[in-house]
Amino acid sequence: MGLSEDLVLAGTRRSPCPGADAVGAGWTAEARTLSLREHRPVRLEEVGKG
């Protein structure tokens, strides 16, 4: 890891990614994984966002 990541993990620096953005990225990843598995488009509402 780089210095910036170490400082965030140590709690001495704020994350450049706000919590809401991180949660949104997680829901997007879930939808993409399901889409890959099922070979179909997946809406974010299907995986819990909405």
PDB file of N, CA and C in Angstrom:
ATOM      1  N   MET A   1       0.830  -1.181   0.000  1.00  0.00           N
ATOM      2  CA  MET A   1       0.000   0.000   0.000  1.00  0.00           C
ATOM      3  C   MET A   1       0.871   1.239   0.000  1.00  0.00           C
ATOM      4  N   GLY A   2       0.278   2.316  -0.472  1.00  0.00           N
ATOM      5  CA  GLY A   2       1.002   3.573  -0.488  1.00  0.00           C
ATOM      6  C   GLY A   2       0.805   4.336   0.813  1.00  0.00           C
ATOM      7  N   LEU A   3       1.538   5.405   0.949  1.00  0.00           N
ATOM      8  CA  LEU A   3       1.470   6.221   2.159  1.00  0.00           C
ATOM      9  C   LEU A   3       0.066   6.750   2.409  1.00  0.00           C
ATOM     10  N   SER A   4      -0.611   7.196   1.353  1.00  0.00           N
ATOM     11  CA  SER A   4      -1.961   7.743   1.508  1.00  0.00           C
ATOM     12  C   SER A   4      -2.910   6.704   2.097  1.00  0.00           C
ATOM     13  N   GLU A   5      -2.870   5.479   1.597  1.00  0.00           N
ATOM     14  CA  GLU A   5      -3.739   4.418   2.110  1.00  0.00           C
ATOM     15  C   GLU A   5      -3.397   4.088   3.554  1.00  0.00           C
ATOM     16  N   ASP A   6      -2.106   4.081   3.887  1.00  0.00           N
ATOM     17  CA  ASP A   6      -1.687   3.804   5.256  1.00  0.00           C
ATOM     18  C   ASP A   6      -2.229   4.857   6.217  1.00  0.00           C
ATOM     19  N   LEU A   7      -2.215   6.118   5.810  1.00  0.00           N
ATOM     20  CA  LEU A   7      -2.717   7.192   6.665  1.00  0.00           C
ATOM     21  C   LEU A   7      -4.224   7.080   6.868  1.00  0.00           C
ATOM     22  N   VAL A   8      -4.944   6.694   5.811  1.00  0.00           N
ATOM     23  CA  VAL A   8      -6.395   6.510   5.943  1.00  0.00           C
ATOM     24  C   VAL A   8      -6.675   5.373   6.916  1.00  0.00           C
ATOM     25  N   LEU A   9      -5.981   4.252   6.751  1.00  0.00           N
ATOM     26  CA  LEU A   9      -6.198   3.103   7.631  1.00  0.00           C
ATOM     27  C   LEU A   9      -5.827   3.421   9.076  1.00  0.00           C
ATOM     28  N   ALA A  10      -4.821   4.260   9.276  1.00  0.00           N
ATOM     29  CA  ALA A  10      -4.396   4.626  10.625  1.00  0.00           C
ATOM     30  C   ALA A  10      -5.335   5.636  11.270  1.00  0.00           C
ATOM     31  N   GLY A  11      -6.228   6.209  10.457  1.00  0.00           N
ATOM     32  CA  GLY A  11      -7.174   7.179  10.994  1.00  0.00           C
ATOM     33  C   GLY A  11      -6.625   8.592  11.072  1.00  0.00           C
ATOM     34  N   THR A  12      -5.488   8.823  10.460  1.00  0.00           N
ATOM     35  CA  THR A  12      -4.898  10.162  10.500  1.00  0.00           C
ATOM     36  C   THR A  12      -5.235  10.988   9.259  1.00  0.00           C
ATOM     37  N   ARG A  13      -5.925  10.404   8.326  1.00  0.00           N
ATOM     38  CA  ARG A  13      -6.334  11.114   7.117  1.00  0.00           C
ATOM     39  C   ARG A  13      -7.709  10.627   6.707  1.00  0.00           C
ATOM     40  N   ARG A  14      -8.542  11.551   6.241  1.00  0.00           N
ATOM     41  CA  ARG A  14      -9.881  11.172   5.788  1.00  0.00           C
ATOM     42  C   ARG A  14      -9.803  10.453   4.445  1.00  0.00           C
ATOM     43  N   SER A  15     -10.710   9.523   4.250  1.00  0.00           N
ATOM     44  CA  SER A  15     -10.780   8.805   2.980  1.00  0.00           C
ATOM     45  C   SER A  15     -11.214   9.767   1.877  1.00  0.00           C
ATOM     46  N   PRO A  16     -10.593   9.673   0.712  1.00  0.00           N
ATOM     47  CA  PRO A  16     -11.019  10.523  -0.403  1.00  0.00           C
ATOM     48  C   PRO A  16     -12.346  10.063  -1.014  1.00  0.00           C
ATOM     49  N   CYS A  17     -12.822   8.905  -0.594  1.00  0.00           N
ATOM     50  CA  CYS A  17     -14.083   8.356  -1.101  1.00  0.00           C
ATOM     51  C   CYS A  17     -15.139   8.442  -0.001  1.00  0.00           C
ATOM     52  N   PRO A  18     -16.110   9.358  -0.143  1.00  0.00           N
ATOM     53  CA  PRO A  18     -17.153   9.456   0.889  1.00  0.00           C
ATOM     54  C   PRO A  18     -17.899   8.132   1.056  1.00  0.00           C
ATOM     55  N   GLY A  19     -18.443   7.922   2.223  1.00  0.00           N
ATOM     56  CA  GLY A  19     -19.130   6.667   2.519  1.00  0.00           C
ATOM     57  C   GLY A  19     -20.218   6.317   1.532  1.00  0.00           C
ATOM     58  N   ALA A  20     -21.026   7.308   1.136  1.00  0.00           N
ATOM     59  CA  ALA A  20     -22.110   7.036   0.186  1.00  0.00           C
ATOM     60  C   ALA A  20     -21.562   6.549  -1.152  1.00  0.00           C
ATOM     61  N   ASP A  21     -20.440   7.114  -1.585  1.00  0.00           N
ATOM     62  CA  ASP A  21     -19.832   6.662  -2.838  1.00  0.00           C
ATOM     63  C   ASP A  21     -19.319   5.229  -2.716  1.00  0.00           C
ATOM     64  N   ALA A  22     -18.730   4.919  -1.566  1.00  0.00           N
ATOM     65  CA  ALA A  22     -18.216   3.564  -1.358  1.00  0.00           C
ATOM     66  C   ALA A  22     -19.350   2.545  -1.352  1.00  0.00           C
ATOM     67  N   VAL A  23     -20.462   2.889  -0.710  1.00  0.00           N
ATOM     68  CA  VAL A  23     -21.623   1.990  -0.685  1.00  0.00           C
ATOM     69  C   VAL A  23     -22.163   1.797  -2.098  1.00  0.00           C
ATOM     70  N   GLY A  24     -22.246   2.893  -2.853  1.00  0.00           N
ATOM     71  CA  GLY A  24     -22.721   2.802  -4.238  1.00  0.00           C
ATOM     72  C   GLY A  24     -21.824   1.912  -5.088  1.00  0.00           C
ATOM     73  N   ALA A  25     -20.535   2.019  -4.876  1.00  0.00           N
ATOM     74  CA  ALA A  25     -19.598   1.162  -5.613  1.00  0.00           C
ATOM     75  C   ALA A  25     -19.809  -0.304  -5.257  1.00  0.00           C
ATOM     76  N   GLY A  26     -20.105  -0.560  -3.986  1.00  0.00           N
ATOM     77  CA  GLY A  26     -20.368  -1.935  -3.563  1.00  0.00           C
ATOM     78  C   GLY A  26     -21.612  -2.513  -4.219  1.00  0.00           C
ATOM     79  N   TRP A  27     -22.696  -1.712  -4.265  1.00  0.00           N
ATOM     80  CA  TRP A  27     -23.927  -2.179  -4.916  1.00  0.00           C
ATOM     81  C   TRP A  27     -23.691  -2.410  -6.410  1.00  0.00           C
ATOM     82  N   THR A  28     -22.904  -1.531  -7.027  1.00  0.00           N
ATOM     83  CA  THR A  28     -22.598  -1.694  -8.453  1.00  0.00           C
ATOM     84  C   THR A  28     -21.827  -2.990  -8.686  1.00  0.00           C
ATOM     85  N   ALA A  29     -20.873  -3.275  -7.822  1.00  0.00           N
ATOM     86  CA  ALA A  29     -20.102  -4.520  -7.947  1.00  0.00           C
ATOM     87  C   ALA A  29     -20.996  -5.743  -7.780  1.00  0.00           C
ATOM     88  N   GLU A  30     -21.923  -5.677  -6.821  1.00  0.00           N
ATOM     89  CA  GLU A  30     -22.861  -6.790  -6.636  1.00  0.00           C
ATOM     90  C   GLU A  30     -23.693  -7.023  -7.894  1.00  0.00           C
ATOM     91  N   ALA A  31     -24.201  -5.937  -8.469  1.00  0.00           N
ATOM     92  CA  ALA A  31     -25.025  -6.056  -9.677  1.00  0.00           C
ATOM     93  C   ALA A  31     -24.209  -6.601 -10.840  1.00  0.00           C
ATOM     94  N   ARG A  32     -22.982  -6.152 -10.975  1.00  0.00           N
ATOM     95  CA  ARG A  32     -22.127  -6.641 -12.067  1.00  0.00           C
ATOM     96  C   ARG A  32     -21.825  -8.126 -11.901  1.00  0.00           C
ATOM     97  N   THR A  33     -21.572  -8.550 -10.668  1.00  0.00           N
ATOM     98  CA  THR A  33     -21.299  -9.968 -10.420  1.00  0.00           C
ATOM     99  C   THR A  33     -22.509 -10.831 -10.769  1.00  0.00           C
ATOM    100  N   LEU A  34     -23.682 -10.391 -10.346  1.00  0.00           N
ATOM    101  CA  LEU A  34     -24.905 -11.128 -10.658  1.00  0.00           C
ATOM    102  C   LEU A  34     -25.147 -11.154 -12.167  1.00  0.00           C
ATOM    103  N   SER A  35     -24.894 -10.042 -12.826  1.00  0.00           N
ATOM    104  CA  SER A  35     -25.060  -9.970 -14.272  1.00  0.00           C
ATOM    105  C   SER A  35     -24.128 -10.960 -14.983  1.00  0.00           C
ATOM    106  N   LEU A  36     -22.897 -11.026 -14.525  1.00  0.00           N
ATOM    107  CA  LEU A  36     -21.947 -11.981 -15.109  1.00  0.00           C
ATOM    108  C   LEU A  36     -22.408 -13.416 -14.895  1.00  0.00           C
ATOM    109  N   ARG A  37     -22.850 -13.711 -13.688  1.00  0.00           N
ATOM    110  CA  ARG A  37     -23.268 -15.069 -13.344  1.00  0.00           C
ATOM    111  C   ARG A  37     -24.492 -15.504 -14.135  1.00  0.00           C
ATOM    112  N   GLU A  38     -25.459 -14.579 -14.288  1.00  0.00           N
ATOM    113  CA  GLU A  38     -26.730 -14.933 -14.914  1.00  0.00           C
ATOM    114  C   GLU A  38     -26.830 -14.513 -16.375  1.00  0.00           C
ATOM    115  N   HIS A  39     -25.798 -13.908 -16.906  1.00  0.00           N
ATOM    116  CA  HIS A  39     -25.751 -13.506 -18.319  1.00  0.00           C
ATOM    117  C   HIS A  39     -26.953 -12.645 -18.708  1.00  0.00           C
ATOM    118  N   ARG A  40     -27.215 -11.611 -17.874  1.00  0.00           N
ATOM    119  CA  ARG A  40     -28.331 -10.712 -18.153  1.00  0.00           C
ATOM    120  C   ARG A  40     -28.075  -9.374 -17.478  1.00  0.00           C
ATOM    121  N   PRO A  41     -28.735  -8.324 -17.958  1.00  0.00           N
ATOM    122  CA  PRO A  41     -28.623  -7.036 -17.272  1.00  0.00           C
ATOM    123  C   PRO A  41     -29.269  -7.120 -15.889  1.00  0.00           C
ATOM    124  N   VAL A  42     -28.683  -6.462 -14.921  1.00  0.00           N
ATOM    125  CA  VAL A  42     -29.203  -6.451 -13.559  1.00  0.00           C
ATOM    126  C   VAL A  42     -29.347  -5.005 -13.102  1.00  0.00           C
ATOM    127  N   ARG A  43     -30.512  -4.667 -12.583  1.00  0.00           N
ATOM    128  CA  ARG A  43     -30.757  -3.324 -12.056  1.00  0.00           C
ATOM    129  C   ARG A  43     -30.271  -3.262 -10.608  1.00  0.00           C
ATOM    130  N   LEU A  44     -29.809  -2.093 -10.191  1.00  0.00           N
ATOM    131  CA  LEU A  44     -29.334  -1.931  -8.819  1.00  0.00           C
ATOM    132  C   LEU A  44     -30.411  -2.272  -7.798  1.00  0.00           C
ATOM    133  N   GLU A  45     -31.667  -2.030  -8.139  1.00  0.00           N
ATOM    134  CA  GLU A  45     -32.765  -2.351  -7.233  1.00  0.00           C
ATOM    135  C   GLU A  45     -32.817  -3.836  -6.884  1.00  0.00           C
ATOM    136  N   GLU A  46     -32.328  -4.684  -7.789  1.00  0.00           N
ATOM    137  CA  GLU A  46     -32.357  -6.130  -7.553  1.00  0.00           C
ATOM    138  C   GLU A  46     -31.389  -6.574  -6.485  1.00  0.00           C
ATOM    139  N   VAL A  47     -30.352  -5.803  -6.238  1.00  0.00           N
ATOM    140  CA  VAL A  47     -29.330  -6.215  -5.283  1.00  0.00           C
ATOM    141  C   VAL A  47     -29.393  -5.413  -3.994  1.00  0.00           C
ATOM    142  N   GLY A  48     -30.445  -4.637  -3.819  1.00  0.00           N
ATOM    143  CA  GLY A  48     -30.629  -3.975  -2.541  1.00  0.00           C
ATOM    144  C   GLY A  48     -30.616  -2.475  -2.572  1.00  0.00           C
ATOM    145  N   LYS A  49     -30.188  -1.873  -3.653  1.00  0.00           N
ATOM    146  CA  LYS A  49     -30.163  -0.411  -3.754  1.00  0.00           C
ATOM    147  C   LYS A  49     -31.455   0.044  -4.365  1.00  0.00           C
ATOM    148  N   GLY A  50     -32.308   0.649  -3.583  1.00  0.00           N
ATOM    149  CA  GLY A  50     -33.533   1.173  -4.175  1.00  0.00           C
ATOM    150  C   GLY A  50     -34.750   0.995  -3.362  1.00  0.00           C
TER     151      GLY A  50
END
